[in-house]
């Protein structure tokens, strides 16, 4: 862990402009930027009071820029709306696979959120960020014995995914204390998202089959080494529909009722996450408050119908907490025009820092940070620098006339961009800065070539 001092980024000294003040000086994509985004009178984009072009000058590019205000605001919205609409106890967990690092874990924990982790590495990071183990929940469909041991020793809750894991936990248990677990079940609810991110339908690698429900409850009820506190389900990601989550909550309350038959007093119900965000102007997801209100209402209604006490209600948002809080800044390099076909504009990153377009065909929007009000006179394909024809970040992007050295900003890159980043073509992974009130703090150092070969081993006979 590297201790860093904040870098003061000098504002331009000019008054900020908001869209309502001068619509001619704001890109149509402004609504997709973080909450603190402004265009100054030099026509440059500022986030968190920091000039994005100056951030690139100081920290290099590609550069992840995380707006602290936007992240904290989303945390507060989830936390406060669950308290507002749910009459029982609630706990919001951040699904940290979206972006797990020390700084992000520390920020969400400081807002009262817990952490959902899916590996030993994510668990270790959360613990190093001083997150309370009581607020950490470990997921995963194939947790190793080492990961389970770390979870047991730390005292976090283990969300058990399958029979193999149940039996392994019984083997690892000691007489000192029971292992705190939840059971993940597959609810059989379909959502209209990409096939790769639908996890609630029956044909899924995650969770116990609901047909095994009674057998699972019967087994767990006979294991004094296991303290089963609740059930968990997750139906997918980037979901705009509200009804699937309402259906899920109703199904899960039925599971609580069924568990009582086996003298299992389940006190927690975790409905997962999955709320989508606005990546493009046409996306229309529910607000955090609308989603939270619907979940709270249906759980309370279902519990009342079954004459059950209200469980502790948990949810696990990831993308909807952090995606829009971050942008990625690139430096534009070469360009290639193919007459009557397309123009390629190339950036100094691509699929190694954002693999989602090539993996999920994800769509993003972009602006040029140093030409915010320039007319959009070109339609270009933004290409990455990797030796891969499919390394295309954005197709048919409307941009002003660009030149080498311009700073291209891609919006809503806080979720799964750094988390899925790689060293493809042996490119170093980018740095990340946290911005707030005109100050930028380094939260992830840029990798060096030395970092890339750090784990390489050269046998003596090859020297």
Protein backbone atom coordinates (compact mmCIF):
# COMPACT_ATOMS: atom_id res chain seq x y z
CA UNK A 1 0.00 0.00 0.00
CA UNK A 2 1.44 3.36 -1.06
CA UNK A 3 0.77 6.49 0.97
CA UNK A 4 0.25 9.52 -1.24
CA UNK A 5 -0.26 13.18 -0.60
CA UNK A 6 -3.04 15.11 -2.31
CA UNK A 7 -2.14 17.08 -5.40
CA UNK A 8 -3.79 20.48 -5.54
CA UNK A 9 -5.07 21.08 -9.06
CA UNK A 10 -5.50 24.76 -9.68
CA UNK A 11 -8.94 25.68 -11.06
CA UNK A 12 -9.05 27.90 -14.09
CA UNK A 13 -10.16 30.84 -11.99
CA UNK A 14 -13.22 31.28 -14.16
CA UNK A 15 -16.81 30.92 -13.04
CA UNK A 16 -18.36 27.53 -13.72
CA UNK A 17 -21.17 27.27 -16.20
CA UNK A 18 -24.07 24.91 -15.71
CA UNK A 19 -26.35 23.68 -18.50
CA UNK A 20 -29.07 26.05 -17.35
CA UNK A 21 -26.74 29.02 -17.54
CA UNK A 22 -25.43 28.59 -21.06
CA UNK A 23 -26.70 25.66 -23.06
CA UNK A 24 -24.47 26.56 -25.98
CA UNK A 25 -21.40 25.81 -23.88
CA UNK A 26 -22.51 22.37 -22.72
CA UNK A 27 -22.32 19.13 -24.63
CA UNK A 28 -25.63 17.26 -25.02
CA UNK A 29 -23.87 14.46 -23.13
CA UNK A 30 -23.44 16.63 -20.02
CA UNK A 31 -26.23 14.74 -18.25
CA UNK A 32 -24.10 11.57 -18.39
CA UNK A 33 -21.14 13.16 -16.60
CA UNK A 34 -20.54 13.10 -12.82
CA UNK A 35 -22.55 15.49 -10.65
CA UNK A 36 -19.73 18.01 -10.24
CA UNK A 37 -18.93 18.24 -13.96
CA UNK A 38 -18.76 21.79 -15.26
CA UNK A 39 -17.45 23.59 -18.33
CA UNK A 40 -15.33 26.62 -17.52
CA UNK A 41 -14.99 29.75 -19.61
CA UNK A 42 -11.91 28.32 -21.26
CA UNK A 43 -14.28 25.67 -22.65
CA UNK A 44 -12.53 22.91 -20.70
CA UNK A 45 -14.23 20.16 -18.72
CA UNK A 46 -13.79 20.21 -14.95
CA UNK A 47 -14.79 17.45 -12.54
CA UNK A 48 -14.60 17.83 -8.78
CA UNK A 49 -13.21 21.31 -9.33
CA UNK A 50 -10.27 19.90 -11.32
CA UNK A 51 -9.51 20.69 -14.94
CA UNK A 52 -9.46 17.33 -16.71
CA UNK A 53 -6.76 18.43 -19.16
CA UNK A 54 -4.51 19.41 -16.25
CA UNK A 55 -5.15 16.08 -14.58
CA UNK A 56 -3.92 14.36 -17.72
CA UNK A 57 -0.86 16.60 -17.78
CA UNK A 58 -0.02 15.72 -14.19
CA UNK A 59 -0.99 12.04 -14.02
CA UNK A 60 -0.80 10.90 -17.63
CA UNK A 61 -3.37 8.99 -19.65
CA UNK A 62 -5.35 6.85 -19.86
CA UNK A 63 -6.60 8.09 -16.50
CA UNK A 64 -9.57 7.03 -14.41
CA UNK A 65 -11.08 10.12 -12.72
CA UNK A 66 -13.40 9.29 -9.81
CA UNK A 67 -15.69 12.03 -8.53
CA UNK A 68 -16.04 11.63 -4.77
CA UNK A 69 -19.23 13.70 -4.56
CA UNK A 70 -21.09 11.54 -7.09
CA UNK A 71 -20.07 8.32 -5.35
CA UNK A 72 -21.01 9.56 -1.89
CA UNK A 73 -24.33 10.91 -3.16
CA UNK A 74 -25.31 7.52 -4.58
CA UNK A 75 -24.33 5.80 -1.33
CA UNK A 76 -26.45 8.23 0.65
CA UNK A 77 -29.42 7.81 -1.67
CA UNK A 78 -29.44 4.04 -1.23
CA UNK A 79 -28.86 4.21 2.51
CA UNK A 80 -31.46 6.88 3.18
CA UNK A 81 -34.21 5.56 0.91
CA UNK A 82 -34.08 2.11 2.50
CA UNK A 83 -34.38 3.73 5.91
CA UNK A 84 -37.25 5.85 4.63
CA UNK A 85 -39.35 3.11 3.06
CA UNK A 86 -38.52 -0.01 5.11
CA UNK A 87 -39.96 -0.34 8.59
CA UNK A 88 -37.44 -2.96 9.66
CA UNK A 89 -33.64 -2.97 9.77
CA UNK A 90 -31.77 -2.61 6.49
CA UNK A 91 -28.20 -2.70 5.23
CA UNK A 92 -26.93 -1.61 1.83
CA UNK A 93 -23.87 -3.50 0.60
CA UNK A 94 -21.60 -2.24 -2.18
CA UNK A 95 -21.03 -4.94 -4.79
CA UNK A 96 -17.33 -4.27 -4.97
CA UNK A 97 -16.62 -6.39 -8.02
CA UNK A 98 -17.67 -3.22 -9.88
CA UNK A 99 -14.49 -1.53 -8.60
CA UNK A 100 -12.64 -2.92 -5.62
CA UNK A 101 -9.71 -0.92 -4.29
CA UNK A 102 -8.74 0.50 -0.91
CA UNK A 103 -10.04 4.00 -1.52
CA UNK A 104 -13.42 2.96 -2.92
CA UNK A 105 -13.99 0.47 -0.09
CA UNK A 106 -13.08 3.14 2.47
CA UNK A 107 -15.45 5.72 0.96
CA UNK A 108 -18.50 3.47 0.82
CA UNK A 109 -17.81 2.14 4.32
CA UNK A 110 -17.60 5.70 5.66
CA UNK A 111 -21.15 6.23 4.34
CA UNK A 112 -22.40 3.28 6.39
CA UNK A 113 -22.46 0.71 3.60
CA UNK A 114 -21.19 -2.83 3.87
CA UNK A 115 -19.17 -4.62 1.19
CA UNK A 116 -20.08 -7.55 -1.04
CA UNK A 117 -16.92 -9.39 -2.13
CA UNK A 118 -16.48 -12.33 -4.50
CA UNK A 119 -12.92 -13.49 -3.90
CA UNK A 120 -10.17 -13.68 -1.33
CA UNK A 121 -8.49 -10.71 -2.97
CA UNK A 122 -11.57 -8.52 -2.71
CA UNK A 123 -12.10 -9.67 0.88
CA UNK A 124 -8.49 -8.88 1.77
CA UNK A 125 -8.79 -5.43 0.21
CA UNK A 126 -11.96 -4.63 2.15
CA UNK A 127 -10.34 -5.74 5.40
CA UNK A 128 -7.24 -3.65 4.65
CA UNK A 129 -9.53 -0.67 4.09
CA UNK A 130 -10.77 -1.20 7.67
CA UNK A 131 -14.26 -2.34 6.68
CA UNK A 132 -15.93 -4.11 9.60
CA UNK A 133 -16.10 -7.89 8.97
CA UNK A 134 -19.67 -7.81 10.26
CA UNK A 135 -20.56 -5.80 7.14
CA UNK A 136 -18.67 -7.97 4.64
CA UNK A 137 -20.44 -10.74 2.68
CA UNK A 138 -18.41 -13.21 0.62
CA UNK A 139 -19.96 -14.58 -2.57
CA UNK A 140 -18.68 -16.94 -5.25
CA UNK A 141 -19.67 -20.17 -6.97
CA UNK A 142 -16.32 -21.90 -6.42
CA UNK A 143 -14.67 -20.48 -3.32
CA UNK A 144 -11.36 -22.14 -2.52
CA UNK A 145 -10.58 -23.63 0.88
CA UNK A 146 -8.10 -20.79 1.41
CA UNK A 147 -10.78 -18.19 0.65
CA UNK A 148 -13.26 -19.88 2.96
CA UNK A 149 -10.63 -20.09 5.70
CA UNK A 150 -9.86 -16.37 5.37
CA UNK A 151 -13.58 -15.59 5.55
CA UNK A 152 -14.06 -17.77 8.63
CA UNK A 153 -11.06 -16.27 10.40
CA UNK A 154 -12.11 -12.71 9.58
CA UNK A 155 -15.66 -13.26 10.80
CA UNK A 156 -17.50 -12.14 7.67
CA UNK A 157 -20.70 -13.73 6.37
CA UNK A 158 -20.32 -16.44 3.72
CA UNK A 159 -23.03 -16.62 1.06
CA UNK A 160 -23.05 -20.35 0.30
CA UNK A 161 -23.58 -21.20 -3.35
CA UNK A 162 -23.67 -25.01 -3.62
CA UNK A 163 -23.53 -28.40 -1.92
CA UNK A 164 -19.76 -28.74 -2.27
CA UNK A 165 -19.28 -25.50 -0.39
CA UNK A 166 -21.69 -26.52 2.35
CA UNK A 167 -19.81 -29.75 2.97
CA UNK A 168 -16.45 -27.96 2.84
CA UNK A 169 -17.59 -25.46 5.47
CA UNK A 170 -18.66 -28.28 7.78
CA UNK A 171 -15.18 -29.77 7.39
CA UNK A 172 -13.48 -26.43 8.11
CA UNK A 173 -15.62 -25.57 11.12
CA UNK A 174 -14.17 -25.59 14.61
CA UNK A 175 -15.86 -25.95 17.97
CA UNK A 176 -15.10 -22.33 18.84
CA UNK A 177 -18.04 -20.70 17.05
CA UNK A 178 -20.59 -21.36 14.30
CA UNK A 179 -19.84 -20.05 10.83
CA UNK A 180 -22.24 -17.28 9.79
CA UNK A 181 -23.76 -18.12 6.39
CA UNK A 182 -26.53 -17.20 3.99
CA UNK A 183 -27.86 -19.46 1.23
CA UNK A 184 -27.90 -18.32 -2.39
CA UNK A 185 -30.83 -19.69 -4.37
CA UNK A 186 -31.73 -19.35 -8.03
CA UNK A 187 -35.20 -17.79 -8.26
CA UNK A 188 -35.93 -18.62 -11.90
CA UNK A 189 -36.65 -15.02 -12.91
CA UNK A 190 -35.66 -13.83 -16.39
CA UNK A 191 -34.47 -10.30 -17.16
CA UNK A 192 -33.98 -8.62 -20.50
CA UNK A 193 -30.24 -8.03 -20.28
CA UNK A 194 -27.16 -9.43 -22.01
CA UNK A 195 -26.95 -13.21 -21.76
CA UNK A 196 -23.65 -13.03 -19.90
CA UNK A 197 -25.06 -10.92 -17.06
CA UNK A 198 -28.33 -12.75 -16.40
CA UNK A 199 -27.86 -14.72 -13.20
CA UNK A 200 -31.38 -15.22 -11.89
CA UNK A 201 -32.77 -17.71 -14.42
CA UNK A 202 -32.68 -21.42 -13.66
CA UNK A 203 -29.94 -22.18 -16.19
CA UNK A 204 -27.23 -20.39 -14.20
CA UNK A 205 -23.95 -21.41 -12.63
CA UNK A 206 -24.92 -19.51 -9.46
CA UNK A 207 -26.89 -20.72 -6.48
CA UNK A 208 -28.84 -23.75 -5.29
CA UNK A 209 -31.63 -25.00 -7.52
CA UNK A 210 -34.97 -24.06 -5.91
CA UNK A 211 -36.07 -27.67 -6.33
CA UNK A 212 -33.41 -28.56 -3.73
CA UNK A 213 -34.71 -25.97 -1.28
CA UNK A 214 -36.18 -28.29 1.32
CA UNK A 215 -33.22 -30.65 1.16
CA UNK A 216 -30.82 -27.75 1.70
CA UNK A 217 -32.82 -26.41 4.64
CA UNK A 218 -33.00 -29.89 6.18
CA UNK A 219 -29.23 -30.35 5.90
CA UNK A 220 -28.35 -26.93 7.30
CA UNK A 221 -30.75 -27.31 10.21
CA UNK A 222 -28.76 -30.34 11.38
CA UNK A 223 -25.36 -28.59 11.30
CA UNK A 224 -24.52 -26.89 14.62
CA UNK A 225 -21.33 -25.58 13.00
CA UNK A 226 -23.37 -23.44 10.59
CA UNK A 227 -25.33 -20.39 11.69
CA UNK A 228 -27.65 -19.77 8.74
CA UNK A 229 -29.04 -16.24 9.01
CA UNK A 230 -30.80 -15.74 5.69
CA UNK A 231 -31.24 -16.22 1.96
CA UNK A 232 -29.81 -14.42 -1.04
CA UNK A 233 -30.71 -14.13 -4.72
CA UNK A 234 -29.59 -11.99 -7.63
CA UNK A 235 -31.38 -11.79 -10.96
CA UNK A 236 -28.89 -9.96 -13.15
CA UNK A 237 -27.29 -6.65 -14.00
CA UNK A 238 -28.11 -3.43 -15.88
CA UNK A 239 -31.83 -4.01 -15.33
CA UNK A 240 -34.36 -1.26 -16.11
CA UNK A 241 -37.51 -3.26 -15.37
CA UNK A 242 -39.02 -2.99 -11.90
CA UNK A 243 -41.35 -5.99 -11.95
CA UNK A 244 -38.60 -8.67 -11.85
CA UNK A 245 -37.29 -7.29 -8.57
CA UNK A 246 -40.79 -7.14 -7.14
CA UNK A 247 -41.31 -10.77 -8.19
CA UNK A 248 -37.98 -11.70 -6.63
CA UNK A 249 -38.80 -10.18 -3.27
CA UNK A 250 -42.11 -12.03 -3.13
CA UNK A 251 -40.44 -15.36 -3.98
CA UNK A 252 -37.77 -14.86 -1.32
CA UNK A 253 -40.33 -14.24 1.41
CA UNK A 254 -41.78 -17.65 0.52
CA UNK A 255 -38.33 -19.11 1.16
CA UNK A 256 -38.32 -17.56 4.63
CA UNK A 257 -41.66 -19.21 5.31
CA UNK A 258 -40.39 -22.60 4.09
CA UNK A 259 -37.27 -22.38 6.27
CA UNK A 260 -39.42 -22.09 9.39
CA UNK A 261 -40.61 -25.66 8.80
CA UNK A 262 -37.07 -26.80 9.62
CA UNK A 263 -36.71 -24.60 12.70
CA UNK A 264 -34.43 -22.25 10.81
CA UNK A 265 -35.01 -18.71 12.01
CA UNK A 266 -33.80 -16.74 9.03
CA UNK A 267 -33.52 -13.06 9.87
CA UNK A 268 -31.89 -11.62 6.72
CA UNK A 269 -33.13 -11.32 3.15
CA UNK A 270 -30.71 -10.14 0.46
CA UNK A 271 -32.33 -9.21 -2.85
CA UNK A 272 -29.03 -8.62 -4.66
CA UNK A 273 -28.57 -5.64 -6.95
CA UNK A 274 -28.74 -5.10 -10.67
CA UNK A 275 -30.27 -1.65 -11.11
CA UNK A 276 -29.14 -0.27 -14.45
CA UNK A 277 -27.65 3.12 -15.22
CA UNK A 278 -27.87 5.63 -18.03
CA UNK A 279 -25.02 4.96 -20.47
CA UNK A 280 -26.75 6.70 -23.37
CA UNK A 281 -29.46 9.31 -23.76
CA UNK A 282 -32.06 6.65 -24.60
CA UNK A 283 -31.46 4.58 -21.44
CA UNK A 284 -34.26 5.07 -18.92
CA UNK A 285 -33.55 3.23 -15.66
CA UNK A 286 -35.59 3.79 -12.50
CA UNK A 287 -34.04 6.14 -9.97
CA UNK A 288 -32.36 4.73 -6.88
CA UNK A 289 -35.32 5.90 -4.81
CA UNK A 290 -37.89 4.35 -7.14
CA UNK A 291 -36.08 1.01 -7.13
CA UNK A 292 -35.57 1.01 -3.36
CA UNK A 293 -39.17 1.98 -2.66
CA UNK A 294 -40.49 -0.87 -4.82
CA UNK A 295 -38.29 -3.44 -3.06
CA UNK A 296 -39.19 -2.23 0.42
CA UNK A 297 -42.91 -2.19 -0.31
CA UNK A 298 -43.14 -5.68 -1.78
CA UNK A 299 -41.08 -7.28 1.02
CA UNK A 300 -43.29 -5.67 3.63
CA UNK A 301 -46.46 -6.68 1.78
CA UNK A 302 -45.29 -10.28 1.35
CA UNK A 303 -44.25 -10.60 4.99
CA UNK A 304 -47.60 -9.24 6.13
CA UNK A 305 -49.43 -11.73 3.90
CA UNK A 306 -47.44 -14.61 5.39
CA UNK A 307 -47.66 -13.24 8.93
CA UNK A 308 -43.85 -13.18 9.14
CA UNK A 309 -41.72 -10.67 11.04
CA UNK A 310 -39.78 -8.27 8.84
CA UNK A 311 -36.30 -9.59 8.11
CA UNK A 312 -33.22 -7.43 7.92
CA UNK A 313 -33.34 -6.30 4.30
CA UNK A 314 -30.11 -6.19 2.33
CA UNK A 315 -29.32 -5.18 -1.24
CA UNK A 316 -26.09 -5.15 -3.23
CA UNK A 317 -25.84 -2.31 -5.77
CA UNK A 318 -22.58 -2.00 -7.65
CA UNK A 319 -22.85 -0.38 -11.08
CA UNK A 320 -25.57 2.06 -9.99
CA UNK A 321 -23.35 3.28 -7.13
CA UNK A 322 -20.11 3.92 -8.95
CA UNK A 323 -20.42 3.80 -12.73
CA UNK A 324 -21.44 7.40 -13.33
CA UNK A 325 -19.00 8.68 -10.70
CA UNK A 326 -16.02 7.95 -12.97
CA UNK A 327 -14.80 8.95 -16.40
CA UNK A 328 -11.75 7.80 -18.32
CA UNK A 329 -9.57 10.41 -19.99
CA UNK A 330 -7.49 9.47 -23.04
CA UNK A 331 -5.10 11.34 -25.30
CA UNK A 332 -5.96 11.26 -28.99
CA UNK A 333 -3.23 10.14 -31.36
CA UNK A 334 -3.44 9.00 -34.96
CA UNK A 335 -6.44 9.13 -37.28
CA UNK A 336 -7.36 7.27 -40.46
CA UNK A 337 -10.06 8.21 -42.95
CA UNK A 338 -11.41 5.60 -45.33
CA UNK A 339 -13.46 7.54 -47.92
CA UNK A 340 -17.17 6.71 -47.91
CA UNK A 341 -16.69 4.21 -45.09
CA UNK A 342 -15.47 5.67 -41.78
CA UNK A 343 -12.88 7.73 -39.94
CA UNK A 344 -10.91 6.10 -37.15
CA UNK A 345 -9.63 8.26 -34.28
CA UNK A 346 -7.18 6.41 -32.06
CA UNK A 347 -6.64 6.81 -28.34
CA UNK A 348 -3.81 5.72 -26.06
CA UNK A 349 -5.85 2.99 -24.36
CA UNK A 350 -8.69 0.70 -25.27
CA UNK A 351 -9.71 -2.85 -24.48
CA UNK A 352 -7.11 -3.29 -21.74
CA UNK A 353 -8.62 -0.49 -19.63
CA UNK A 354 -12.23 -0.97 -20.84
CA UNK A 355 -12.96 -4.49 -22.11
CA UNK A 356 -16.75 -4.06 -21.92
CA UNK A 357 -17.36 -2.99 -25.56
CA UNK A 358 -15.53 -6.00 -27.00
CA UNK A 359 -16.96 -8.34 -24.34
CA UNK A 360 -20.57 -7.18 -23.96
CA UNK A 361 -20.96 -4.85 -26.96
CA UNK A 362 -21.43 -2.08 -24.41
CA UNK A 363 -22.15 1.42 -25.68
CA UNK A 364 -20.58 4.59 -24.26
CA UNK A 365 -20.72 8.32 -24.88
CA UNK A 366 -17.77 10.67 -25.11
CA UNK A 367 -16.75 14.33 -25.17
CA UNK A 368 -13.52 16.16 -25.94
CA UNK A 369 -12.45 17.77 -22.68
CA UNK A 370 -10.64 20.69 -24.29
CA UNK A 371 -13.35 21.44 -26.88
CA UNK A 372 -16.57 21.19 -24.93
CA UNK A 373 -18.62 23.64 -26.97
CA UNK A 374 -17.05 23.06 -30.36
CA UNK A 375 -19.58 22.00 -33.01
CA UNK A 376 -19.91 18.26 -33.59
CA UNK A 377 -18.80 18.16 -37.19
CA UNK A 378 -17.48 14.60 -37.47
CA UNK A 379 -18.76 11.09 -36.90
CA UNK A 380 -15.87 8.85 -36.00
CA UNK A 381 -15.03 5.42 -34.69
CA UNK A 382 -12.93 5.63 -31.54
CA UNK A 383 -10.32 2.88 -31.78
CA UNK A 384 -7.98 1.56 -29.14
CA UNK A 385 -4.28 1.05 -29.64
CA UNK A 386 -4.19 -2.71 -29.14
CA UNK A 387 -3.21 -5.17 -31.84
CA UNK A 388 -6.77 -6.39 -32.20
CA UNK A 389 -9.24 -5.40 -34.92
CA UNK A 390 -12.08 -5.62 -32.41
CA UNK A 391 -10.49 -3.03 -30.13
CA UNK A 392 -13.15 -0.43 -30.86
CA UNK A 393 -14.32 1.67 -27.93
CA UNK A 394 -17.16 3.63 -29.57
CA UNK A 395 -18.71 3.41 -33.01
CA UNK A 396 -20.25 6.42 -34.78
CA UNK A 397 -19.29 8.94 -32.13
CA UNK A 398 -20.23 12.54 -32.97
CA UNK A 399 -17.20 14.69 -32.16
CA UNK A 400 -15.76 18.08 -32.99
CA UNK A 401 -12.78 18.22 -35.30
CA UNK A 402 -10.04 16.49 -33.28
CA UNK A 403 -6.28 16.70 -33.37
CA UNK A 404 -3.47 14.66 -31.80
CA UNK A 405 -3.13 15.71 -28.18
CA UNK A 406 -6.82 16.39 -27.59
CA UNK A 407 -8.23 14.80 -24.45
CA UNK A 408 -11.11 12.41 -25.07
CA UNK A 409 -13.32 11.63 -22.06
CA UNK A 410 -15.47 8.51 -21.98
CA UNK A 411 -18.29 8.68 -19.44
CA UNK A 412 -19.73 6.21 -16.92
CA UNK A 413 -16.61 4.06 -16.65
CA UNK A 414 -16.62 3.43 -12.89
CA UNK A 415 -18.10 -0.06 -13.07
CA UNK A 416 -16.10 -3.05 -14.33
CA UNK A 417 -13.53 -0.97 -16.21
CA UNK A 418 -10.63 -0.97 -13.78
CA UNK A 419 -11.91 -4.24 -12.30
CA UNK A 420 -11.63 -6.01 -15.65
CA UNK A 421 -8.51 -4.18 -16.84
CA UNK A 422 -5.64 -6.27 -18.15
CA UNK A 423 -2.10 -6.03 -19.46
CA UNK A 424 -3.05 -7.15 -22.96
CA UNK A 425 -0.16 -6.33 -25.31
CA UNK A 426 1.71 -5.71 -22.04
CA UNK A 427 0.22 -2.27 -21.61
CA UNK A 428 0.51 -0.94 -18.06
CA UNK A 429 -2.82 -0.47 -16.31
CA UNK A 430 -3.84 3.20 -15.87
CA UNK A 431 -3.67 5.36 -12.78
CA UNK A 432 -6.79 6.54 -10.97
CA UNK A 433 -7.39 9.78 -9.09
CA UNK A 434 -10.10 10.79 -6.65
CA UNK A 435 -11.25 14.37 -7.19
CA UNK A 436 -13.13 16.70 -4.85
CA UNK A 437 -13.09 20.44 -4.15
CA UNK A 438 -10.28 21.17 -6.58
CA UNK A 439 -8.00 18.50 -5.12
CA UNK A 440 -6.87 15.27 -6.76
CA UNK A 441 -5.64 12.29 -4.75
CA UNK A 442 -3.92 9.36 -6.40
CA UNK A 443 -5.77 6.15 -5.45
CA UNK A 444 -4.17 3.77 -7.97
CA UNK A 445 -0.65 4.20 -9.25
CA UNK A 446 0.03 3.79 -12.94
CA UNK A 447 1.80 0.53 -13.62
CA UNK A 448 5.30 0.60 -15.05
CA UNK A 449 7.09 -1.77 -17.38
CA UNK A 450 8.91 -3.06 -14.32
CA UNK A 451 5.53 -3.89 -12.75
CA UNK A 452 4.57 -5.86 -15.83
CA UNK A 453 7.57 -8.20 -15.62
CA UNK A 454 7.56 -8.39 -11.82
CA UNK A 455 6.07 -11.88 -11.77
CA UNK A 456 8.05 -13.17 -14.77
CA UNK A 457 10.57 -15.90 -14.07
CA UNK A 458 13.49 -16.52 -16.41
CA UNK A 459 15.00 -19.98 -15.92
CA UNK A 460 18.76 -20.00 -15.50
CA UNK A 461 19.25 -22.11 -18.65
CA UNK A 462 17.62 -19.35 -20.74
CA UNK A 463 19.94 -16.58 -19.56
